[in-house]
C-alpha atoms as a PDB file:
ATOM      1  CA  UNK A   1       0.050   0.092   0.027  1.00  0.00           C
ATOM      2  CA  UNK A   2       1.323   3.387  -0.984  1.00  0.00           C
ATOM      3  CA  UNK A   3       2.140   5.687   2.004  1.00  0.00           C
ATOM      4  CA  UNK A   4      -0.400   8.416   2.679  1.00  0.00           C
ATOM      5  CA  UNK A   5      -0.419  11.871   4.253  1.00  0.00           C
ATOM      6  CA  UNK A   6      -3.666  12.699   5.636  1.00  0.00           C
ATOM      7  CA  UNK A   7      -4.319  16.456   6.148  1.00  0.00           C
ATOM      8  CA  UNK A   8      -6.954  17.645   8.627  1.00  0.00           C
ATOM      9  CA  UNK A   9      -7.336  21.399   8.467  1.00  0.00           C
ATOM     10  CA  UNK A  10      -9.854  24.079   8.997  1.00  0.00           C
ATOM     11  CA  UNK A  11     -10.335  27.536  10.536  1.00  0.00           C
ATOM     12  CA  UNK A  12      -9.078  28.432  14.100  1.00  0.00           C
ATOM     13  CA  UNK A  13     -11.276  27.158  16.776  1.00  0.00           C
ATOM     14  CA  UNK A  14     -13.134  24.585  14.646  1.00  0.00           C
ATOM     15  CA  UNK A  15     -11.864  21.562  16.603  1.00  0.00           C
ATOM     16  CA  UNK A  16      -8.950  20.152  14.765  1.00  0.00           C
ATOM     17  CA  UNK A  17      -6.781  19.154  17.652  1.00  0.00           C
ATOM     18  CA  UNK A  18      -9.148  16.733  19.365  1.00  0.00           C
ATOM     19  CA  UNK A  19     -10.154  15.050  16.128  1.00  0.00           C
ATOM     20  CA  UNK A  20      -6.670  14.748  14.821  1.00  0.00           C
ATOM     21  CA  UNK A  21      -5.470  13.130  18.028  1.00  0.00           C
ATOM     22  CA  UNK A  22      -8.331  10.514  17.979  1.00  0.00           C
ATOM     23  CA  UNK A  23      -7.669   9.727  14.288  1.00  0.00           C
ATOM     24  CA  UNK A  24      -4.035   9.408  14.899  1.00  0.00           C
ATOM     25  CA  UNK A  25      -4.587   7.170  17.927  1.00  0.00           C
ATOM     26  CA  UNK A  26      -6.792   4.862  15.805  1.00  0.00           C
ATOM     27  CA  UNK A  27      -4.265   4.656  12.949  1.00  0.00           C
ATOM     28  CA  UNK A  28      -1.384   4.176  15.414  1.00  0.00           C
ATOM     29  CA  UNK A  29       0.518   7.054  13.811  1.00  0.00           C
ATOM     30  CA  UNK A  30       2.074  10.485  14.601  1.00  0.00           C
ATOM     31  CA  UNK A  31       1.046  14.054  13.895  1.00  0.00           C
ATOM     32  CA  UNK A  32       2.888  16.893  12.109  1.00  0.00           C
ATOM     33  CA  UNK A  33       1.802  20.304  13.105  1.00  0.00           C
ATOM     34  CA  UNK A  34       1.224  22.726  10.208  1.00  0.00           C
ATOM     35  CA  UNK A  35       0.060  25.604  12.437  1.00  0.00           C
ATOM     36  CA  UNK A  36       2.811  28.196  11.894  1.00  0.00           C
ATOM     37  CA  UNK A  37       1.599  30.012  15.195  1.00  0.00           C
ATOM     38  CA  UNK A  38       2.389  26.823  17.274  1.00  0.00           C
ATOM     39  CA  UNK A  39       6.133  26.636  15.943  1.00  0.00           C
ATOM     40  CA  UNK A  40       7.576  29.130  18.584  1.00  0.00           C
ATOM     41  CA  UNK A  41       8.627  27.844  21.947  1.00  0.00           C
ATOM     42  CA  UNK A  42       7.856  31.065  23.819  1.00  0.00           C
ATOM     43  CA  UNK A  43       4.221  30.940  22.715  1.00  0.00           C
ATOM     44  CA  UNK A  44       1.719  28.307  24.154  1.00  0.00           C
ATOM     45  CA  UNK A  45      -1.581  29.892  25.458  1.00  0.00           C
ATOM     46  CA  UNK A  46      -2.158  32.310  22.696  1.00  0.00           C
ATOM     47  CA  UNK A  47      -1.465  29.785  19.980  1.00  0.00           C
ATOM     48  CA  UNK A  48      -3.713  26.990  21.567  1.00  0.00           C
ATOM     49  CA  UNK A  49      -0.941  24.490  21.554  1.00  0.00           C
ATOM     50  CA  UNK A  50      -2.206  20.996  22.558  1.00  0.00           C
ATOM     51  CA  UNK A  51      -1.978  20.305  26.227  1.00  0.00           C
ATOM     52  CA  UNK A  52       0.701  18.247  27.801  1.00  0.00           C
ATOM     53  CA  UNK A  53      -1.791  15.379  28.164  1.00  0.00           C
ATOM     54  CA  UNK A  54      -2.744  15.524  24.584  1.00  0.00           C
ATOM     55  CA  UNK A  55       1.027  15.461  23.383  1.00  0.00           C
ATOM     56  CA  UNK A  56       1.492  12.365  25.388  1.00  0.00           C
ATOM     57  CA  UNK A  57      -1.339  10.583  23.642  1.00  0.00           C
ATOM     58  CA  UNK A  58       0.153  10.978  20.085  1.00  0.00           C
ATOM     59  CA  UNK A  59       3.798  12.022  19.181  1.00  0.00           C
ATOM     60  CA  UNK A  60       3.614  15.571  17.683  1.00  0.00           C
ATOM     61  CA  UNK A  61       6.262  17.175  15.493  1.00  0.00           C
ATOM     62  CA  UNK A  62       7.011  20.938  14.881  1.00  0.00           C
ATOM     63  CA  UNK A  63       5.370  22.085  18.140  1.00  0.00           C
ATOM     64  CA  UNK A  64       7.364  24.833  19.888  1.00  0.00           C
ATOM     65  CA  UNK A  65      10.519  23.770  18.034  1.00  0.00           C
ATOM     66  CA  UNK A  66      11.969  27.222  17.080  1.00  0.00           C
ATOM     67  CA  UNK A  67      12.164  30.664  18.795  1.00  0.00           C
ATOM     68  CA  UNK A  68      10.335  33.734  17.765  1.00  0.00           C
ATOM     69  CA  UNK A  69      13.741  35.292  16.919  1.00  0.00           C
ATOM     70  CA  UNK A  70      14.403  32.549  14.461  1.00  0.00           C
ATOM     71  CA  UNK A  71      13.801  32.974  10.732  1.00  0.00           C
ATOM     72  CA  UNK A  72      11.480  30.387   9.316  1.00  0.00           C
ATOM     73  CA  UNK A  73       9.244  30.188   6.139  1.00  0.00           C
ATOM     74  CA  UNK A  74       7.150  27.852   4.134  1.00  0.00           C
ATOM     75  CA  UNK A  75      10.016  26.763   1.902  1.00  0.00           C
ATOM     76  CA  UNK A  76      11.898  25.573   5.083  1.00  0.00           C
ATOM     77  CA  UNK A  77       8.863  23.892   6.408  1.00  0.00           C
ATOM     78  CA  UNK A  78       8.392  21.994   3.124  1.00  0.00           C
ATOM     79  CA  UNK A  79      12.062  20.724   3.359  1.00  0.00           C
ATOM     80  CA  UNK A  80      11.805  19.865   7.059  1.00  0.00           C
ATOM     81  CA  UNK A  81       8.399  18.037   6.589  1.00  0.00           C
ATOM     82  CA  UNK A  82       9.515  16.037   3.462  1.00  0.00           C
ATOM     83  CA  UNK A  83      12.698  14.886   5.464  1.00  0.00           C
ATOM     84  CA  UNK A  84      10.579  14.009   8.566  1.00  0.00           C
ATOM     85  CA  UNK A  85       8.003  12.055   6.325  1.00  0.00           C
ATOM     86  CA  UNK A  86      10.746   9.842   4.895  1.00  0.00           C
ATOM     87  CA  UNK A  87      11.561   8.673   8.477  1.00  0.00           C
ATOM     88  CA  UNK A  88       8.000   8.330   9.660  1.00  0.00           C
ATOM     89  CA  UNK A  89       6.827   6.346   6.658  1.00  0.00           C
ATOM     90  CA  UNK A  90       9.447   3.653   7.554  1.00  0.00           C
ATOM     91  CA  UNK A  91       7.119   2.900  10.585  1.00  0.00           C
ATOM     92  CA  UNK A  92       3.713   4.109   9.611  1.00  0.00           C
ATOM     93  CA  UNK A  93       1.789   3.683   6.459  1.00  0.00           C
ATOM     94  CA  UNK A  94      -0.183   6.936   7.195  1.00  0.00           C
ATOM     95  CA  UNK A  95       0.912  10.203   8.847  1.00  0.00           C
ATOM     96  CA  UNK A  96      -1.428  12.947   9.845  1.00  0.00           C
ATOM     97  CA  UNK A  97      -0.662  16.687   9.290  1.00  0.00           C
ATOM     98  CA  UNK A  98      -3.001  19.111  11.039  1.00  0.00           C
ATOM     99  CA  UNK A  99      -3.134  22.829  11.370  1.00  0.00           C
ATOM    100  CA  UNK A 100      -4.728  25.964   9.774  1.00  0.00           C
ATOM    101  CA  UNK A 101      -1.640  27.513   8.008  1.00  0.00           C
ATOM    102  CA  UNK A 102      -2.822  27.115   4.351  1.00  0.00           C
ATOM    103  CA  UNK A 103       0.347  28.316   2.724  1.00  0.00           C
ATOM    104  CA  UNK A 104       2.373  25.709   4.687  1.00  0.00           C
ATOM    105  CA  UNK A 105       0.012  22.934   3.668  1.00  0.00           C
ATOM    106  CA  UNK A 106       0.345  23.997   0.020  1.00  0.00           C
ATOM    107  CA  UNK A 107       4.028  24.015   0.308  1.00  0.00           C
ATOM    108  CA  UNK A 108       4.117  20.277   1.433  1.00  0.00           C
ATOM    109  CA  UNK A 109       1.435  19.203  -1.027  1.00  0.00           C
ATOM    110  CA  UNK A 110       2.496  21.152  -4.214  1.00  0.00           C
ATOM    111  CA  UNK A 111       5.980  22.488  -3.536  1.00  0.00           C
ATOM    112  CA  UNK A 112       7.165  25.974  -3.210  1.00  0.00           C
ATOM    113  CA  UNK A 113      10.116  27.556  -5.174  1.00  0.00           C
ATOM    114  CA  UNK A 114      12.755  28.984  -2.933  1.00  0.00           C
ATOM    115  CA  UNK A 115      11.808  32.716  -2.759  1.00  0.00           C
ATOM    116  CA  UNK A 116      14.969  34.811  -3.374  1.00  0.00           C
ATOM    117  CA  UNK A 117      16.606  36.935  -0.820  1.00  0.00           C
ATOM    118  CA  UNK A 118      15.687  40.590  -1.326  1.00  0.00           C
ATOM    119  CA  UNK A 119      18.183  43.325  -1.947  1.00  0.00           C
ATOM    120  CA  UNK A 120      18.575  45.356   1.349  1.00  0.00           C
ATOM    121  CA  UNK A 121      18.405  48.657  -0.393  1.00  0.00           C
ATOM    122  CA  UNK A 122      15.051  47.804  -1.844  1.00  0.00           C
ATOM    123  CA  UNK A 123      13.805  46.631   1.550  1.00  0.00           C
ATOM    124  CA  UNK A 124      15.006  49.804   3.360  1.00  0.00           C
ATOM    125  CA  UNK A 125      13.483  51.988   0.785  1.00  0.00           C
ATOM    126  CA  UNK A 126      10.132  50.280   1.256  1.00  0.00           C
ATOM    127  CA  UNK A 127      10.302  50.503   4.949  1.00  0.00           C
ATOM    128  CA  UNK A 128      11.107  54.241   4.715  1.00  0.00           C
ATOM    129  CA  UNK A 129       8.227  54.651   2.355  1.00  0.00           C
ATOM    130  CA  UNK A 130       5.946  52.763   4.725  1.00  0.00           C
ATOM    131  CA  UNK A 131       7.001  54.993   7.656  1.00  0.00           C
ATOM    132  CA  UNK A 132       6.484  58.215   5.669  1.00  0.00           C
ATOM    133  CA  UNK A 133       3.405  57.404   3.541  1.00  0.00           C
ATOM    134  CA  UNK A 134       1.750  54.701   5.656  1.00  0.00           C
ATOM    135  CA  UNK A 135       0.969  51.143   4.931  1.00  0.00           C
ATOM    136  CA  UNK A 136      -1.888  51.987   2.583  1.00  0.00           C
ATOM    137  CA  UNK A 137       0.706  53.109  -0.101  1.00  0.00           C
ATOM    138  CA  UNK A 138       2.311  49.654  -0.078  1.00  0.00           C
ATOM    139  CA  UNK A 139      -1.162  47.959  -0.187  1.00  0.00           C
ATOM    140  CA  UNK A 140      -2.109  49.951  -3.228  1.00  0.00           C
ATOM    141  CA  UNK A 141       1.006  48.938  -5.146  1.00  0.00           C
ATOM    142  CA  UNK A 142       0.640  45.247  -4.101  1.00  0.00           C
ATOM    143  CA  UNK A 143      -2.944  45.339  -5.426  1.00  0.00           C
ATOM    144  CA  UNK A 144      -1.711  46.391  -8.729  1.00  0.00           C
ATOM    145  CA  UNK A 145       1.445  44.012  -8.951  1.00  0.00           C
ATOM    146  CA  UNK A 146      -0.101  40.948  -7.255  1.00  0.00           C
ATOM    147  CA  UNK A 147      -3.846  41.078  -6.732  1.00  0.00           C
ATOM    148  CA  UNK A 148      -3.980  37.395  -5.647  1.00  0.00           C
ATOM    149  CA  UNK A 149      -1.575  37.924  -2.736  1.00  0.00           C
ATOM    150  CA  UNK A 150      -3.574  41.228  -2.045  1.00  0.00           C
ATOM    151  CA  UNK A 151      -6.787  39.229  -1.644  1.00  0.00           C
ATOM    152  CA  UNK A 152      -5.440  36.689   0.877  1.00  0.00           C
ATOM    153  CA  UNK A 153      -2.720  38.488   2.902  1.00  0.00           C
ATOM    154  CA  UNK A 154      -3.660  40.102   6.226  1.00  0.00           C
ATOM    155  CA  UNK A 155      -3.762  43.678   5.103  1.00  0.00           C
ATOM    156  CA  UNK A 156      -3.072  44.863   8.594  1.00  0.00           C
ATOM    157  CA  UNK A 157       0.128  42.898   8.676  1.00  0.00           C
ATOM    158  CA  UNK A 158       2.833  45.296   7.439  1.00  0.00           C
ATOM    159  CA  UNK A 159       5.532  42.555   7.395  1.00  0.00           C
ATOM    160  CA  UNK A 160       3.574  40.382   4.970  1.00  0.00           C
ATOM    161  CA  UNK A 161       2.580  43.252   2.810  1.00  0.00           C
ATOM    162  CA  UNK A 162       6.225  44.370   2.736  1.00  0.00           C
ATOM    163  CA  UNK A 163       7.477  40.853   2.032  1.00  0.00           C
ATOM    164  CA  UNK A 164       5.103  40.311  -0.952  1.00  0.00           C
ATOM    165  CA  UNK A 165       5.890  43.726  -2.481  1.00  0.00           C
ATOM    166  CA  UNK A 166       9.613  43.460  -2.253  1.00  0.00           C
ATOM    167  CA  UNK A 167       9.730  40.006  -3.974  1.00  0.00           C
ATOM    168  CA  UNK A 168       7.344  41.242  -6.616  1.00  0.00           C
ATOM    169  CA  UNK A 169       9.463  44.289  -7.365  1.00  0.00           C
ATOM    170  CA  UNK A 170      12.711  42.600  -7.330  1.00  0.00           C
ATOM    171  CA  UNK A 171      11.774  39.523  -9.440  1.00  0.00           C
ATOM    172  CA  UNK A 172       9.313  41.125 -11.734  1.00  0.00           C
ATOM    173  CA  UNK A 173       7.070  38.213 -10.890  1.00  0.00           C
ATOM    174  CA  UNK A 174       4.117  38.218  -8.488  1.00  0.00           C
ATOM    175  CA  UNK A 175       4.985  36.896  -4.931  1.00  0.00           C
ATOM    176  CA  UNK A 176       2.041  34.489  -5.291  1.00  0.00           C
ATOM    177  CA  UNK A 177       3.604  32.853  -8.324  1.00  0.00           C
ATOM    178  CA  UNK A 178       6.304  31.455  -6.137  1.00  0.00           C
ATOM    179  CA  UNK A 179       3.744  29.350  -4.485  1.00  0.00           C
ATOM    180  CA  UNK A 180       2.446  27.607  -7.560  1.00  0.00           C
ATOM    181  CA  UNK A 181       4.898  27.764 -10.341  1.00  0.00           C
ATOM    182  CA  UNK A 182       5.705  24.107 -10.312  1.00  0.00           C
ATOM    183  CA  UNK A 183       3.518  21.434  -8.694  1.00  0.00           C
ATOM    184  CA  UNK A 184       5.786  18.821  -7.533  1.00  0.00           C
ATOM    185  CA  UNK A 185       5.162  15.195  -7.524  1.00  0.00           C
ATOM    186  CA  UNK A 186       5.216  13.495  -4.137  1.00  0.00           C
ATOM    187  CA  UNK A 187       6.104   9.847  -3.490  1.00  0.00           C
ATOM    188  CA  UNK A 188       3.056   9.393  -1.356  1.00  0.00           C
ATOM    189  CA  UNK A 189      -0.682   9.855  -1.585  1.00  0.00           C
ATOM    190  CA  UNK A 190      -2.344  12.952  -0.138  1.00  0.00           C
ATOM    191  CA  UNK A 191      -5.895  12.927   1.403  1.00  0.00           C
ATOM    192  CA  UNK A 192      -7.374  16.280   2.225  1.00  0.00           C
ATOM    193  CA  UNK A 193      -9.899  16.812   4.860  1.00  0.00           C
ATOM    194  CA  UNK A 194     -11.249  20.221   5.856  1.00  0.00           C
ATOM    195  CA  UNK A 195     -13.436  20.942   8.956  1.00  0.00           C
ATOM    196  CA  UNK A 196     -16.005  23.598   9.287  1.00  0.00           C
ATOM    197  CA  UNK A 197     -18.962  24.609  11.473  1.00  0.00           C
ATOM    198  CA  UNK A 198     -22.014  26.915  11.099  1.00  0.00           C
ATOM    199  CA  UNK A 199     -20.567  30.479  11.154  1.00  0.00           C
ATOM    200  CA  UNK A 200     -22.375  31.396  14.429  1.00  0.00           C
ATOM    201  CA  UNK A 201     -21.291  28.178  16.096  1.00  0.00           C
ATOM    202  CA  UNK A 202     -17.682  28.701  15.058  1.00  0.00           C
ATOM    203  CA  UNK A 203     -17.565  32.288  16.183  1.00  0.00           C
ATOM    204  CA  UNK A 204     -19.107  31.260  19.631  1.00  0.00           C
ATOM    205  CA  UNK A 205     -16.386  28.612  20.001  1.00  0.00           C
ATOM    206  CA  UNK A 206     -13.668  31.317  19.096  1.00  0.00           C
ATOM    207  CA  UNK A 207     -15.087  33.820  21.589  1.00  0.00           C
ATOM    208  CA  UNK A 208     -15.148  31.132  24.312  1.00  0.00           C
ATOM    209  CA  UNK A 209     -11.651  30.035  23.562  1.00  0.00           C
ATOM    210  CA  UNK A 210     -10.258  33.558  23.827  1.00  0.00           C
ATOM    211  CA  UNK A 211     -12.064  33.762  27.327  1.00  0.00           C
ATOM    212  CA  UNK A 212     -10.228  30.576  28.318  1.00  0.00           C
ATOM    213  CA  UNK A 213      -6.940  31.897  27.044  1.00  0.00           C
ATOM    214  CA  UNK A 214      -7.309  34.839  29.339  1.00  0.00           C
ATOM    215  CA  UNK A 215      -8.260  32.646  32.279  1.00  0.00           C
ATOM    216  CA  UNK A 216      -5.211  30.516  31.609  1.00  0.00           C
ATOM    217  CA  UNK A 217      -2.743  33.395  31.731  1.00  0.00           C
ATOM    218  CA  UNK A 218      -2.490  34.922  28.245  1.00  0.00           C
ATOM    219  CA  UNK A 219      -1.836  38.465  29.526  1.00  0.00           C
ATOM    220  CA  UNK A 220       1.161  37.163  31.576  1.00  0.00           C
ATOM    221  CA  UNK A 221       2.476  35.080  28.481  1.00  0.00           C
ATOM    222  CA  UNK A 222       2.246  38.230  26.326  1.00  0.00           C
ATOM    223  CA  UNK A 223       4.048  40.324  28.968  1.00  0.00           C
ATOM    224  CA  UNK A 224       6.894  37.826  29.062  1.00  0.00           C
ATOM    225  CA  UNK A 225       7.638  38.384  25.226  1.00  0.00           C
ATOM    226  CA  UNK A 226       6.671  42.117  25.177  1.00  0.00           C
ATOM    227  CA  UNK A 227      10.226  43.167  24.792  1.00  0.00           C
ATOM    228  CA  UNK A 228      10.449  40.956  21.447  1.00  0.00           C
ATOM    229  CA  UNK A 229       7.265  42.557  20.071  1.00  0.00           C
ATOM    230  CA  UNK A 230       9.276  43.761  16.923  1.00  0.00           C
ATOM    231  CA  UNK A 231       9.686  40.176  15.749  1.00  0.00           C
ATOM    232  CA  UNK A 232       7.629  38.914  12.854  1.00  0.00           C
ATOM    233  CA  UNK A 233       6.306  35.968  14.781  1.00  0.00           C
ATOM    234  CA  UNK A 234       4.616  38.244  17.292  1.00  0.00           C
ATOM    235  CA  UNK A 235       2.751  40.316  14.892  1.00  0.00           C
ATOM    236  CA  UNK A 236      -0.097  37.947  15.284  1.00  0.00           C
ATOM    237  CA  UNK A 237      -3.646  37.777  16.754  1.00  0.00           C
ATOM    238  CA  UNK A 238      -3.612  37.491  20.402  1.00  0.00           C
ATOM    239  CA  UNK A 239      -0.418  39.223  20.965  1.00  0.00           C
ATOM    240  CA  UNK A 240      -0.324  42.404  19.104  1.00  0.00           C
ATOM    241  CA  UNK A 241      -3.649  43.465  20.724  1.00  0.00           C
ATOM    242  CA  UNK A 242      -2.136  42.901  24.177  1.00  0.00           C
ATOM    243  CA  UNK A 243       0.986  44.741  23.144  1.00  0.00           C
ATOM    244  CA  UNK A 244      -1.281  47.878  22.392  1.00  0.00           C
ATOM    245  CA  UNK A 245      -2.748  47.512  25.840  1.00  0.00           C
ATOM    246  CA  UNK A 246       0.769  47.410  27.468  1.00  0.00           C
ATOM    247  CA  UNK A 247       1.560  50.548  25.396  1.00  0.00           C
ATOM    248  CA  UNK A 248      -1.471  52.212  26.870  1.00  0.00           C
ATOM    249  CA  UNK A 249      -3.313  52.432  23.553  1.00  0.00           C
ATOM    250  CA  UNK A 250      -6.420  50.281  24.704  1.00  0.00           C
ATOM    251  CA  UNK A 251      -7.860  48.932  27.789  1.00  0.00           C
ATOM    252  CA  UNK A 252      -7.651  45.378  28.728  1.00  0.00           C
ATOM    253  CA  UNK A 253     -11.359  44.881  27.926  1.00  0.00           C
ATOM    254  CA  UNK A 254     -10.923  46.476  24.484  1.00  0.00           C
ATOM    255  CA  UNK A 255      -7.786  44.346  23.788  1.00  0.00           C
ATOM    256  CA  UNK A 256      -9.872  41.145  24.660  1.00  0.00           C
ATOM    257  CA  UNK A 257     -12.744  42.274  22.314  1.00  0.00           C
ATOM    258  CA  UNK A 258     -10.204  42.922  19.592  1.00  0.00           C
ATOM    259  CA  UNK A 259      -8.616  39.469  19.942  1.00  0.00           C
ATOM    260  CA  UNK A 260     -12.111  37.970  19.471  1.00  0.00           C
ATOM    261  CA  UNK A 261     -12.896  40.030  16.551  1.00  0.00           C
ATOM    262  CA  UNK A 262      -9.540  39.593  14.737  1.00  0.00           C
ATOM    263  CA  UNK A 263      -9.626  35.797  15.443  1.00  0.00           C
ATOM    264  CA  UNK A 264     -13.103  35.561  13.826  1.00  0.00           C
ATOM    265  CA  UNK A 265     -11.619  37.626  10.736  1.00  0.00           C
ATOM    266  CA  UNK A 266      -8.631  35.222  10.626  1.00  0.00           C
ATOM    267  CA  UNK A 267     -10.997  32.203  10.590  1.00  0.00           C
ATOM    268  CA  UNK A 268     -12.942  33.789   7.645  1.00  0.00           C
ATOM    269  CA  UNK A 269      -9.700  34.187   5.665  1.00  0.00           C
ATOM    270  CA  UNK A 270      -8.592  30.623   6.406  1.00  0.00           C
ATOM    271  CA  UNK A 271     -11.958  29.315   4.993  1.00  0.00           C
ATOM    272  CA  UNK A 272     -11.565  31.535   1.850  1.00  0.00           C
ATOM    273  CA  UNK A 273      -8.047  30.104   1.363  1.00  0.00           C
ATOM    274  CA  UNK A 274      -9.097  26.452   1.702  1.00  0.00           C
ATOM    275  CA  UNK A 275     -12.198  26.952  -0.622  1.00  0.00           C
ATOM    276  CA  UNK A 276      -9.701  27.596  -3.463  1.00  0.00           C
ATOM    277  CA  UNK A 277      -8.526  23.982  -3.379  1.00  0.00           C
ATOM    278  CA  UNK A 278     -11.300  21.591  -4.641  1.00  0.00           C
ATOM    279  CA  UNK A 279      -9.367  18.620  -3.507  1.00  0.00           C
ATOM    280  CA  UNK A 280     -10.688  19.128  -0.002  1.00  0.00           C
ATOM    281  CA  UNK A 281     -13.527  16.919   1.411  1.00  0.00           C
ATOM    282  CA  UNK A 282     -15.512  19.041   3.916  1.00  0.00           C
ATOM    283  CA  UNK A 283     -16.940  17.558   7.235  1.00  0.00           C
ATOM    284  CA  UNK A 284     -18.341  18.871  10.493  1.00  0.00           C
ATOM    285  CA  UNK A 285     -15.830  18.020  13.256  1.00  0.00           C
ATOM    286  CA  UNK A 286     -18.638  16.130  15.056  1.00  0.00           C
ATOM    287  CA  UNK A 287     -19.020  13.657  12.071  1.00  0.00           C
ATOM    288  CA  UNK A 288     -16.372  11.357  13.320  1.00  0.00           C
ATOM    289  CA  UNK A 289     -17.986   8.295  11.722  1.00  0.00           C
ATOM    290  CA  UNK A 290     -18.084   9.950   8.353  1.00  0.00           C
ATOM    291  CA  UNK A 291     -14.484  11.112   8.498  1.00  0.00           C
ATOM    292  CA  UNK A 292     -13.348   7.762   9.754  1.00  0.00           C
ATOM    293  CA  UNK A 293     -15.239   5.997   6.823  1.00  0.00           C
ATOM    294  CA  UNK A 294     -13.835   8.513   4.281  1.00  0.00           C
ATOM    295  CA  UNK A 295     -10.265   7.703   5.418  1.00  0.00           C
ATOM    296  CA  UNK A 296     -10.935   3.959   5.199  1.00  0.00           C
ATOM    297  CA  UNK A 297     -12.305   4.393   1.772  1.00  0.00           C
ATOM    298  CA  UNK A 298      -9.183   6.180   0.482  1.00  0.00           C
ATOM    299  CA  UNK A 299      -7.086   3.262   1.695  1.00  0.00           C
ATOM    300  CA  UNK A 300      -8.513   0.964  -0.854  1.00  0.00           C
END
């Protein structure tokens, strides 16, 4: 039987972790995390890392394995994951990969060309322009040069806007083209499962999870990395809102409401990204029997 990579993805808060652990337990296999927010060892509460008890049930990989100060991208993740899969497939016919970072999933499934390093003069010029003219100026140019990236990038994330624009300007090709120029053939089958819930149900779960994060000590966790707030890894939902609170720009209550709102918006973007790929089979997370039967069918 050919080796299989089973992908279980979906928006934040949908219920990927519990389901993936149960499926992996039944298949007697291991889990590769493709949630780029969970890569960083300094972050745990705000990134919804599986609990210590959950991590004991099934071996996980790429959970808190690098620092927020380290440089890491989708191309590096592709390389690391393919190397790991080669080892895991020696003992497991099927391996699970779960998480909500669509670009990282695409990199493993389809390949991603090594995005070139950017000339520092170009980067510094764009940073100066962003500081003087504002982020909207860079957004406008990206919309013209690379509308696909413009439609899917977090338009409030200056680092992502900057990265997409600088690559487009230096290479003369849209940043998005580096993700799809050549679809690589993998020596294993890929099964794609996407999870979703009714929007109101999903949003209630997201709001509840934010409340639980605050109860678990999210504010203290954010304060511990406040001095590193300039790093790319920390320009993410759950931390940047609390950094504004620490800077006196918002109240704690406002920061909490913003985390909920921005998490819901992030979930919406994740769903839009996944809908582009018609290879996904969609399930409600509670349809365990249906998901299990689907996986069994793909084994034949």
